[in-house]
Protein backbone atom coordinates (compact mmCIF):
# COMPACT_ATOMS: atom_id res chain seq x y z
CA MET A 1 -77.61 30.24 28.44
CA THR A 2 -76.46 31.83 31.89
CA ARG A 3 -73.37 34.18 32.34
CA ARG A 4 -71.29 31.22 33.38
CA ASP A 5 -71.82 29.48 30.03
CA SER A 6 -71.07 32.43 28.39
CA LEU A 7 -67.88 32.78 30.09
CA VAL A 8 -67.11 29.01 29.45
CA THR A 9 -67.74 29.70 25.86
CA GLY A 10 -65.64 32.07 25.45
CA ALA A 11 -62.71 30.41 27.36
CA VAL A 12 -62.98 27.42 25.34
CA LEU A 13 -62.93 29.64 22.06
CA LEU A 14 -59.87 31.59 22.94
CA ILE A 15 -58.10 28.61 23.94
CA CYS A 16 -59.09 26.83 20.19
CA ALA A 17 -58.04 30.08 18.52
CA THR A 18 -54.12 30.45 20.44
CA ILE A 19 -53.85 26.55 19.50
CA LEU A 20 -54.55 27.24 15.80
CA VAL A 21 -51.91 30.24 16.03
CA ILE A 22 -49.53 28.52 17.63
CA PHE A 23 -49.80 25.09 14.81
CA THR A 24 -49.93 27.85 11.80
CA ASP A 25 -46.39 29.13 13.15
CA VAL A 26 -44.98 25.89 13.38
CA GLU A 27 -46.43 24.53 10.33
CA ILE A 28 -44.68 27.81 8.64
CA ARG A 29 -41.49 27.36 10.79
CA MET A 30 -41.78 23.99 9.09
CA VAL A 31 -42.21 24.40 5.46
CA ARG A 32 -39.60 27.20 5.41
CA TRP A 33 -36.77 24.74 7.45
CA LEU A 34 -37.71 22.15 4.58
CA SER A 35 -37.86 24.67 1.84
CA CYS A 36 -34.57 26.51 2.87
CA ASP A 37 -32.48 23.45 4.13
CA PRO A 38 -28.92 22.92 3.03
CA LEU A 39 -30.73 19.94 0.54
CA ALA A 40 -32.60 22.65 -1.39
CA THR A 41 -31.38 24.14 -4.59
CA PRO A 42 -29.35 27.02 -5.06
CA ALA A 43 -32.76 28.56 -6.65
CA GLU A 44 -34.87 27.00 -3.73
CA ARG A 45 -32.68 29.30 -1.04
CA ASP A 46 -32.71 32.25 -2.92
CA SER A 47 -36.38 32.29 -3.20
CA GLU A 48 -38.68 35.36 -1.61
CA ARG A 49 -39.75 32.74 1.48
CA CYS A 50 -36.30 31.77 2.56
CA ARG A 51 -34.89 35.26 3.05
């Protein structure tokens, strides 16, 4: 494997890791929004996740 191949592999891994972090953050926000929205029960809104 040449140095150029190593750089390309590193760049691809960095892009994949960034995409994973972004989607994980979006998923957490979506779950929080769905669990704590106005239609949620009072107990769900008072839970640790919604604070």
